[in-house]
Amino acid sequence: MEFCERIKEICNKYDRVALFVDMDGTVVEYNIFQDGTVTTESKGLFVDNRPVMPIINKLEEISKIENIDIYMLTLSRSKIIEKEKEIWLKKYMPFVKEENYIILIRENGDYNSENRNYVKVNKMKEKEDKYDYLMLLDDDHNILRTTKREIGNKGDAFHISTALI
């Protein structure tokens, strides 16, 4: 079943649904940087990255479903990259409300290497009382496995490849 149809089916089953979407490697081209390359002084590393239009187009279609909210849930190494991600989202994904940007910044202590796999599902769980069903679309297998285990039957986790086929 095609991804959009799966999401529509879920939205027909539940009253309030939230879809949390990763950025790097999911809706934006993932660039690999050497350790230490991305610092607080890094500028322009993110804002010009190419969008993954097949995914963005599907998310725009999904955003038109009445009972779903889309959140961008992404990790950022620095405040500078956070700002670039916001600029990028406004340019390529204007259908996602700014108040639905959740950008966790390592520089601020929002995450570290020890809690990296749990921080997204913990943010999702903060919205549990508002939604009947929570979903994550991501490219990181460890984060997806952790989310699936922690969210249990209250949601689901999808690898980006699911949305591409």
N, C-alpha and C. Protein backbone atom coordinates (compact mmCIF):
# COMPACT_ATOMS: atom_id res chain seq x y z
N MET A 1 0.84 -1.18 0.00
CA MET A 1 0.00 0.00 0.00
C MET A 1 0.89 1.25 0.00
N GLU A 2 0.52 2.20 -0.80
CA GLU A 2 1.30 3.43 -0.91
C GLU A 2 1.24 4.21 0.41
N PHE A 3 2.32 4.93 0.72
CA PHE A 3 2.46 5.62 1.99
C PHE A 3 1.29 6.56 2.29
N CYS A 4 0.92 7.39 1.35
CA CYS A 4 -0.19 8.34 1.57
C CYS A 4 -1.47 7.59 1.89
N GLU A 5 -1.70 6.48 1.24
CA GLU A 5 -2.90 5.68 1.51
C GLU A 5 -2.85 5.09 2.91
N ARG A 6 -1.68 4.64 3.33
CA ARG A 6 -1.53 4.10 4.69
C ARG A 6 -1.85 5.17 5.73
N ILE A 7 -1.36 6.38 5.48
CA ILE A 7 -1.59 7.48 6.42
C ILE A 7 -3.08 7.84 6.44
N LYS A 8 -3.71 7.87 5.27
CA LYS A 8 -5.15 8.17 5.20
C LYS A 8 -5.95 7.11 5.96
N GLU A 9 -5.54 5.86 5.82
CA GLU A 9 -6.22 4.76 6.53
C GLU A 9 -6.10 4.94 8.04
N ILE A 10 -4.93 5.31 8.50
CA ILE A 10 -4.71 5.56 9.93
C ILE A 10 -5.57 6.73 10.39
N CYS A 11 -5.63 7.78 9.58
CA CYS A 11 -6.43 8.96 9.93
C CYS A 11 -7.92 8.65 9.95
N ASN A 12 -8.35 7.68 9.17
CA ASN A 12 -9.76 7.26 9.21
C ASN A 12 -10.08 6.47 10.48
N LYS A 13 -9.07 5.84 11.04
CA LYS A 13 -9.25 5.00 12.22
C LYS A 13 -9.18 5.80 13.52
N TYR A 14 -8.41 6.88 13.52
CA TYR A 14 -8.18 7.69 14.74
C TYR A 14 -8.66 9.12 14.52
N ASP A 15 -9.10 9.76 15.60
CA ASP A 15 -9.62 11.13 15.50
C ASP A 15 -8.53 12.18 15.31
N ARG A 16 -7.46 12.09 16.09
CA ARG A 16 -6.37 13.08 16.03
C ARG A 16 -5.06 12.34 15.84
N VAL A 17 -4.35 12.69 14.78
CA VAL A 17 -3.12 12.00 14.41
C VAL A 17 -1.99 13.03 14.24
N ALA A 18 -0.80 12.65 14.67
CA ALA A 18 0.38 13.50 14.47
C ALA A 18 1.45 12.70 13.73
N LEU A 19 2.04 13.34 12.74
CA LEU A 19 3.16 12.76 11.99
C LEU A 19 4.38 13.63 12.24
N PHE A 20 5.40 13.05 12.85
CA PHE A 20 6.66 13.74 13.12
C PHE A 20 7.64 13.33 12.03
N VAL A 21 8.29 14.32 11.43
CA VAL A 21 9.14 14.07 10.26
C VAL A 21 10.55 14.59 10.53
N ASP A 22 11.51 13.73 10.34
CA ASP A 22 12.92 14.10 10.41
C ASP A 22 13.28 14.94 9.19
N MET A 23 14.37 15.67 9.27
CA MET A 23 14.81 16.46 8.11
C MET A 23 15.98 15.79 7.38
N ASP A 24 17.14 15.70 8.04
CA ASP A 24 18.37 15.23 7.39
C ASP A 24 18.23 13.81 6.88
N GLY A 25 18.32 13.65 5.58
CA GLY A 25 18.21 12.33 4.97
C GLY A 25 16.78 11.89 4.75
N THR A 26 15.82 12.71 5.15
CA THR A 26 14.41 12.37 4.98
C THR A 26 13.73 13.33 4.01
N VAL A 27 13.76 14.62 4.29
CA VAL A 27 13.18 15.60 3.37
C VAL A 27 14.25 16.49 2.73
N VAL A 28 15.46 16.38 3.22
CA VAL A 28 16.57 17.17 2.68
C VAL A 28 17.76 16.25 2.45
N GLU A 29 18.47 16.51 1.38
CA GLU A 29 19.65 15.72 1.05
C GLU A 29 20.58 15.66 2.25
N TYR A 30 21.06 14.47 2.54
CA TYR A 30 21.96 14.28 3.68
C TYR A 30 23.40 14.41 3.21
N ASN A 31 24.10 15.34 3.81
CA ASN A 31 25.52 15.52 3.51
C ASN A 31 26.34 15.02 4.69
N ILE A 32 27.39 14.31 4.40
CA ILE A 32 28.27 13.77 5.43
C ILE A 32 29.44 14.73 5.61
N PHE A 33 29.64 15.14 6.86
CA PHE A 33 30.72 16.06 7.18
C PHE A 33 31.73 15.35 8.07
N GLN A 34 32.99 15.75 7.94
CA GLN A 34 34.03 15.23 8.81
C GLN A 34 33.72 15.67 10.25
N ASP A 35 34.16 14.89 11.23
CA ASP A 35 34.00 15.29 12.62
C ASP A 35 34.65 16.65 12.82
N GLY A 36 33.96 17.51 13.55
CA GLY A 36 34.50 18.84 13.83
C GLY A 36 34.18 19.88 12.76
N THR A 37 33.62 19.45 11.62
CA THR A 37 33.30 20.40 10.54
C THR A 37 32.13 21.28 10.93
N VAL A 38 31.13 20.69 11.54
CA VAL A 38 29.93 21.44 11.91
C VAL A 38 30.14 21.99 13.32
N THR A 39 30.33 23.29 13.38
CA THR A 39 30.57 23.97 14.65
C THR A 39 29.62 25.14 14.77
N THR A 40 29.74 25.86 15.86
CA THR A 40 28.90 27.04 16.04
C THR A 40 29.20 28.11 15.00
N GLU A 41 30.36 28.05 14.38
CA GLU A 41 30.72 29.02 13.35
C GLU A 41 30.30 28.57 11.94
N SER A 42 29.80 27.37 11.80
CA SER A 42 29.42 26.83 10.49
C SER A 42 28.23 27.60 9.93
N LYS A 43 28.43 28.18 8.77
CA LYS A 43 27.33 28.88 8.11
C LYS A 43 27.21 28.37 6.69
N GLY A 44 25.98 28.26 6.22
CA GLY A 44 25.75 27.85 4.85
C GLY A 44 25.86 26.36 4.61
N LEU A 45 26.09 25.57 5.66
CA LEU A 45 26.22 24.12 5.48
C LEU A 45 24.88 23.46 5.21
N PHE A 46 23.81 24.06 5.69
CA PHE A 46 22.52 23.40 5.58
C PHE A 46 21.56 24.09 4.62
N VAL A 47 21.52 25.37 4.65
CA VAL A 47 20.46 26.13 3.98
C VAL A 47 20.37 25.87 2.47
N ASP A 48 21.48 25.49 1.85
CA ASP A 48 21.47 25.25 0.41
C ASP A 48 21.33 23.78 0.03
N ASN A 49 21.11 22.90 1.00
CA ASN A 49 20.94 21.48 0.68
C ASN A 49 19.66 21.26 -0.12
N ARG A 50 19.73 20.29 -1.01
CA ARG A 50 18.61 20.03 -1.93
C ARG A 50 17.45 19.31 -1.23
N PRO A 51 16.23 19.69 -1.58
CA PRO A 51 15.06 19.02 -1.02
C PRO A 51 14.82 17.68 -1.70
N VAL A 52 14.25 16.74 -0.97
CA VAL A 52 13.84 15.44 -1.52
C VAL A 52 12.37 15.61 -1.91
N MET A 53 12.14 16.08 -3.13
CA MET A 53 10.81 16.48 -3.57
C MET A 53 9.77 15.35 -3.57
N PRO A 54 10.11 14.11 -3.91
CA PRO A 54 9.07 13.07 -3.84
C PRO A 54 8.46 12.93 -2.44
N ILE A 55 9.27 13.08 -1.42
CA ILE A 55 8.79 12.99 -0.04
C ILE A 55 8.01 14.26 0.32
N ILE A 56 8.54 15.40 -0.02
CA ILE A 56 7.87 16.66 0.28
C ILE A 56 6.51 16.72 -0.38
N ASN A 57 6.42 16.27 -1.62
CA ASN A 57 5.13 16.27 -2.32
C ASN A 57 4.11 15.38 -1.61
N LYS A 58 4.57 14.21 -1.12
CA LYS A 58 3.66 13.33 -0.40
C LYS A 58 3.24 13.94 0.94
N LEU A 59 4.16 14.59 1.60
CA LEU A 59 3.82 15.24 2.87
C LEU A 59 2.84 16.38 2.66
N GLU A 60 2.99 17.10 1.57
CA GLU A 60 2.04 18.17 1.28
C GLU A 60 0.63 17.59 1.06
N GLU A 61 0.57 16.46 0.36
CA GLU A 61 -0.73 15.79 0.18
C GLU A 61 -1.30 15.35 1.52
N ILE A 62 -0.46 14.77 2.36
CA ILE A 62 -0.88 14.31 3.69
C ILE A 62 -1.34 15.49 4.55
N SER A 63 -0.69 16.64 4.41
CA SER A 63 -1.04 17.81 5.22
C SER A 63 -2.47 18.29 4.98
N LYS A 64 -3.06 17.87 3.88
CA LYS A 64 -4.43 18.27 3.55
C LYS A 64 -5.49 17.40 4.23
N ILE A 65 -5.04 16.33 4.87
CA ILE A 65 -5.97 15.48 5.63
C ILE A 65 -6.38 16.28 6.87
N GLU A 66 -7.67 16.33 7.09
CA GLU A 66 -8.23 17.21 8.12
C GLU A 66 -7.75 16.93 9.54
N ASN A 67 -7.57 15.68 9.91
CA ASN A 67 -7.28 15.35 11.31
C ASN A 67 -5.83 14.96 11.58
N ILE A 68 -4.90 15.47 10.76
CA ILE A 68 -3.48 15.18 10.98
C ILE A 68 -2.71 16.49 11.13
N ASP A 69 -1.75 16.47 12.02
CA ASP A 69 -0.81 17.58 12.16
C ASP A 69 0.58 17.05 11.85
N ILE A 70 1.32 17.81 11.06
CA ILE A 70 2.69 17.43 10.73
C ILE A 70 3.64 18.29 11.55
N TYR A 71 4.59 17.63 12.20
CA TYR A 71 5.64 18.28 12.97
C TYR A 71 6.98 17.94 12.32
N MET A 72 7.85 18.91 12.25
CA MET A 72 9.22 18.64 11.82
C MET A 72 10.01 18.43 13.12
N LEU A 73 10.60 17.25 13.26
CA LEU A 73 11.31 16.87 14.47
C LEU A 73 12.73 16.49 14.07
N THR A 74 13.66 17.38 14.34
CA THR A 74 15.01 17.21 13.82
C THR A 74 16.06 17.59 14.85
N LEU A 75 17.22 17.01 14.69
CA LEU A 75 18.36 17.32 15.54
C LEU A 75 19.26 18.32 14.82
N SER A 76 19.85 19.21 15.58
CA SER A 76 20.75 20.22 15.03
C SER A 76 21.96 20.34 15.94
N ARG A 77 23.12 20.37 15.35
CA ARG A 77 24.32 20.47 16.17
C ARG A 77 24.51 21.86 16.76
N SER A 78 24.03 22.89 16.08
CA SER A 78 24.27 24.24 16.55
C SER A 78 23.08 25.15 16.31
N LYS A 79 23.09 26.31 16.96
CA LYS A 79 22.04 27.31 16.79
C LYS A 79 22.04 27.86 15.36
N ILE A 80 23.21 27.96 14.78
CA ILE A 80 23.30 28.46 13.40
C ILE A 80 22.58 27.51 12.45
N ILE A 81 22.83 26.22 12.61
CA ILE A 81 22.16 25.24 11.75
C ILE A 81 20.66 25.23 12.04
N GLU A 82 20.27 25.45 13.29
CA GLU A 82 18.85 25.55 13.62
C GLU A 82 18.19 26.65 12.77
N LYS A 83 18.81 27.81 12.73
CA LYS A 83 18.25 28.93 11.95
C LYS A 83 18.20 28.58 10.47
N GLU A 84 19.23 27.91 9.96
CA GLU A 84 19.24 27.51 8.55
C GLU A 84 18.15 26.49 8.26
N LYS A 85 17.90 25.59 9.19
CA LYS A 85 16.82 24.62 9.01
C LYS A 85 15.46 25.33 8.96
N GLU A 86 15.28 26.33 9.79
CA GLU A 86 14.03 27.09 9.78
C GLU A 86 13.85 27.80 8.43
N ILE A 87 14.90 28.41 7.92
CA ILE A 87 14.85 29.08 6.61
C ILE A 87 14.51 28.07 5.52
N TRP A 88 15.17 26.92 5.58
CA TRP A 88 14.96 25.86 4.59
C TRP A 88 13.50 25.39 4.63
N LEU A 89 12.97 25.15 5.81
CA LEU A 89 11.58 24.70 5.95
C LEU A 89 10.59 25.71 5.39
N LYS A 90 10.81 26.98 5.68
CA LYS A 90 9.91 28.02 5.17
C LYS A 90 9.94 28.06 3.64
N LYS A 91 11.09 27.78 3.07
CA LYS A 91 11.23 27.81 1.62
C LYS A 91 10.59 26.59 0.96
N TYR A 92 10.87 25.39 1.47
CA TYR A 92 10.47 24.17 0.78
C TYR A 92 9.22 23.49 1.35
N MET A 93 8.86 23.82 2.60
CA MET A 93 7.72 23.15 3.22
C MET A 93 6.81 24.16 3.92
N PRO A 94 6.32 25.14 3.19
CA PRO A 94 5.50 26.18 3.82
C PRO A 94 4.17 25.66 4.36
N PHE A 95 3.79 24.47 3.99
CA PHE A 95 2.54 23.87 4.48
C PHE A 95 2.66 23.36 5.91
N VAL A 96 3.86 23.34 6.47
CA VAL A 96 4.06 22.96 7.87
C VAL A 96 4.13 24.24 8.69
N LYS A 97 3.30 24.33 9.72
CA LYS A 97 3.25 25.52 10.56
C LYS A 97 4.56 25.69 11.32
N GLU A 98 5.01 26.95 11.42
CA GLU A 98 6.24 27.24 12.16
C GLU A 98 6.19 26.74 13.60
N GLU A 99 5.02 26.84 14.22
CA GLU A 99 4.92 26.38 15.61
C GLU A 99 5.06 24.87 15.73
N ASN A 100 5.09 24.17 14.58
CA ASN A 100 5.28 22.72 14.57
C ASN A 100 6.71 22.32 14.24
N TYR A 101 7.62 23.28 14.30
CA TYR A 101 9.05 22.97 14.16
C TYR A 101 9.57 22.60 15.55
N ILE A 102 10.12 21.41 15.66
CA ILE A 102 10.78 20.99 16.90
C ILE A 102 12.23 20.69 16.52
N ILE A 103 13.10 21.63 16.82
CA ILE A 103 14.51 21.50 16.46
C ILE A 103 15.31 21.39 17.76
N LEU A 104 15.87 20.22 17.98
CA LEU A 104 16.64 19.95 19.20
C LEU A 104 18.10 20.25 18.92
N ILE A 105 18.70 21.07 19.78
CA ILE A 105 20.04 21.59 19.51
C ILE A 105 21.05 21.01 20.49
N ARG A 106 22.04 20.32 19.95
CA ARG A 106 23.07 19.72 20.80
C ARG A 106 23.82 20.78 21.58
N GLU A 107 24.11 21.90 20.93
CA GLU A 107 24.83 23.00 21.56
C GLU A 107 24.10 23.51 22.82
N ASN A 108 22.77 23.41 22.84
CA ASN A 108 21.97 23.82 24.00
C ASN A 108 21.81 22.72 25.04
N GLY A 109 22.31 21.52 24.73
CA GLY A 109 22.16 20.39 25.64
C GLY A 109 20.84 19.65 25.47
N ASP A 110 20.11 19.92 24.36
CA ASP A 110 18.84 19.23 24.11
C ASP A 110 19.03 17.74 23.87
N TYR A 111 20.20 17.36 23.38
CA TYR A 111 20.51 15.94 23.18
C TYR A 111 22.01 15.76 23.22
N ASN A 112 22.43 14.51 23.39
CA ASN A 112 23.85 14.15 23.36
C ASN A 112 23.96 12.73 22.81
N SER A 113 25.15 12.21 22.74
CA SER A 113 25.33 10.89 22.13
C SER A 113 24.65 9.79 22.96
N GLU A 114 24.48 9.99 24.26
CA GLU A 114 23.84 8.98 25.10
C GLU A 114 22.32 8.93 24.92
N ASN A 115 21.66 10.08 24.70
CA ASN A 115 20.20 10.07 24.61
C ASN A 115 19.68 10.32 23.19
N ARG A 116 20.58 10.34 22.23
CA ARG A 116 20.23 10.66 20.85
C ARG A 116 19.09 9.78 20.30
N ASN A 117 19.10 8.50 20.63
CA ASN A 117 18.10 7.58 20.09
C ASN A 117 16.74 7.71 20.78
N TYR A 118 16.69 8.36 21.95
CA TYR A 118 15.45 8.48 22.72
C TYR A 118 14.82 9.86 22.65
N VAL A 119 15.60 10.87 22.31
CA VAL A 119 15.12 12.24 22.44
C VAL A 119 13.91 12.53 21.54
N LYS A 120 13.85 11.95 20.36
CA LYS A 120 12.71 12.20 19.47
C LYS A 120 11.43 11.57 20.01
N VAL A 121 11.50 10.32 20.41
CA VAL A 121 10.29 9.67 20.94
C VAL A 121 9.83 10.36 22.22
N ASN A 122 10.76 10.87 23.02
CA ASN A 122 10.37 11.61 24.22
C ASN A 122 9.62 12.88 23.86
N LYS A 123 10.05 13.57 22.82
CA LYS A 123 9.34 14.78 22.35
C LYS A 123 7.96 14.41 21.82
N MET A 124 7.88 13.30 21.11
CA MET A 124 6.59 12.83 20.61
C MET A 124 5.64 12.55 21.78
N LYS A 125 6.15 11.89 22.80
CA LYS A 125 5.32 11.52 23.95
C LYS A 125 4.79 12.75 24.69
N GLU A 126 5.47 13.88 24.58
CA GLU A 126 4.99 15.11 25.19
C GLU A 126 3.66 15.56 24.58
N LYS A 127 3.35 15.06 23.39
CA LYS A 127 2.11 15.43 22.68
C LYS A 127 1.05 14.32 22.78
N GLU A 128 1.33 13.27 23.53
CA GLU A 128 0.42 12.13 23.64
C GLU A 128 -1.00 12.49 24.05
N ASP A 129 -1.14 13.47 24.94
CA ASP A 129 -2.48 13.82 25.42
C ASP A 129 -3.30 14.54 24.36
N LYS A 130 -2.66 15.06 23.33
CA LYS A 130 -3.34 15.81 22.27
C LYS A 130 -3.76 14.92 21.09
N TYR A 131 -3.12 13.75 20.96
CA TYR A 131 -3.34 12.88 19.79
C TYR A 131 -3.67 11.46 20.20
N ASP A 132 -4.42 10.79 19.31
CA ASP A 132 -4.76 9.38 19.50
C ASP A 132 -3.68 8.46 18.94
N TYR A 133 -2.89 8.98 17.98
CA TYR A 133 -1.91 8.13 17.29
C TYR A 133 -0.74 9.02 16.87
N LEU A 134 0.47 8.55 17.14
CA LEU A 134 1.70 9.29 16.83
C LEU A 134 2.54 8.47 15.86
N MET A 135 3.12 9.16 14.86
CA MET A 135 3.97 8.47 13.88
C MET A 135 5.25 9.25 13.67
N LEU A 136 6.30 8.53 13.34
CA LEU A 136 7.59 9.13 13.01
C LEU A 136 8.02 8.65 11.64
N LEU A 137 8.48 9.58 10.80
CA LEU A 137 9.09 9.28 9.51
C LEU A 137 10.54 9.72 9.61
N ASP A 138 11.47 8.77 9.50
CA ASP A 138 12.88 9.06 9.75
C ASP A 138 13.74 8.13 8.91
N ASP A 139 15.03 8.42 8.86
CA ASP A 139 15.95 7.55 8.12
C ASP A 139 16.90 6.79 9.04
N ASP A 140 16.89 7.09 10.32
CA ASP A 140 17.83 6.49 11.27
C ASP A 140 17.22 5.23 11.89
N HIS A 141 17.81 4.09 11.61
CA HIS A 141 17.28 2.81 12.07
C HIS A 141 17.23 2.72 13.59
N ASN A 142 18.25 3.22 14.28
CA ASN A 142 18.26 3.14 15.74
C ASN A 142 17.13 3.98 16.34
N ILE A 143 16.94 5.18 15.82
CA ILE A 143 15.86 6.04 16.30
C ILE A 143 14.51 5.41 16.00
N LEU A 144 14.36 4.83 14.82
CA LEU A 144 13.10 4.17 14.46
C LEU A 144 12.80 2.98 15.37
N ARG A 145 13.79 2.15 15.62
CA ARG A 145 13.60 0.98 16.50
C ARG A 145 13.22 1.43 17.92
N THR A 146 13.93 2.43 18.42
CA THR A 146 13.64 2.94 19.76
C THR A 146 12.23 3.51 19.83
N THR A 147 11.85 4.27 18.81
CA THR A 147 10.51 4.87 18.77
C THR A 147 9.44 3.80 18.75
N LYS A 148 9.62 2.81 17.90
CA LYS A 148 8.64 1.72 17.78
C LYS A 148 8.47 1.00 19.12
N ARG A 149 9.57 0.74 19.78
CA ARG A 149 9.53 0.05 21.08
C ARG A 149 8.87 0.92 22.15
N GLU A 150 9.23 2.19 22.20
CA GLU A 150 8.75 3.09 23.26
C GLU A 150 7.30 3.54 23.06
N ILE A 151 6.87 3.67 21.83
CA ILE A 151 5.52 4.19 21.57
C ILE A 151 4.47 3.08 21.63
N GLY A 152 4.92 1.85 21.43
CA GLY A 152 4.01 0.71 21.53
C GLY A 152 2.84 0.80 20.56
N ASN A 153 1.65 0.50 21.04
CA ASN A 153 0.47 0.49 20.16
C ASN A 153 -0.17 1.87 20.02
N LYS A 154 0.48 2.91 20.53
CA LYS A 154 -0.03 4.28 20.41
C LYS A 154 0.49 4.98 19.16
N GLY A 155 1.22 4.23 18.33
CA GLY A 155 1.76 4.87 17.14
C GLY A 155 2.58 3.92 16.30
N ASP A 156 3.36 4.51 15.40
CA ASP A 156 4.18 3.72 14.49
C ASP A 156 5.39 4.53 14.05
N ALA A 157 6.36 3.84 13.50
CA ALA A 157 7.56 4.47 12.98
C ALA A 157 7.81 3.94 11.57
N PHE A 158 8.07 4.85 10.66
CA PHE A 158 8.27 4.50 9.25
C PHE A 158 9.65 4.95 8.78
N HIS A 159 10.36 4.05 8.12
CA HIS A 159 11.61 4.42 7.47
C HIS A 159 11.29 5.20 6.21
N ILE A 160 12.14 6.10 5.83
CA ILE A 160 11.92 6.94 4.65
C ILE A 160 11.65 6.10 3.39
N SER A 161 12.25 4.93 3.31
CA SER A 161 12.04 4.10 2.13
C SER A 161 10.56 3.72 1.95
N THR A 162 9.83 3.62 3.07
CA THR A 162 8.40 3.31 3.00
C THR A 162 7.65 4.39 2.22
N ALA A 163 8.06 5.63 2.40
CA ALA A 163 7.40 6.76 1.74
C ALA A 163 7.83 6.89 0.28
N LEU A 164 8.92 6.27 -0.07
CA LEU A 164 9.43 6.39 -1.46
C LEU A 164 8.82 5.37 -2.40
N ILE A 165 8.29 4.29 -1.86
CA ILE A 165 7.75 3.25 -2.74
C ILE A 165 6.23 3.29 -2.81
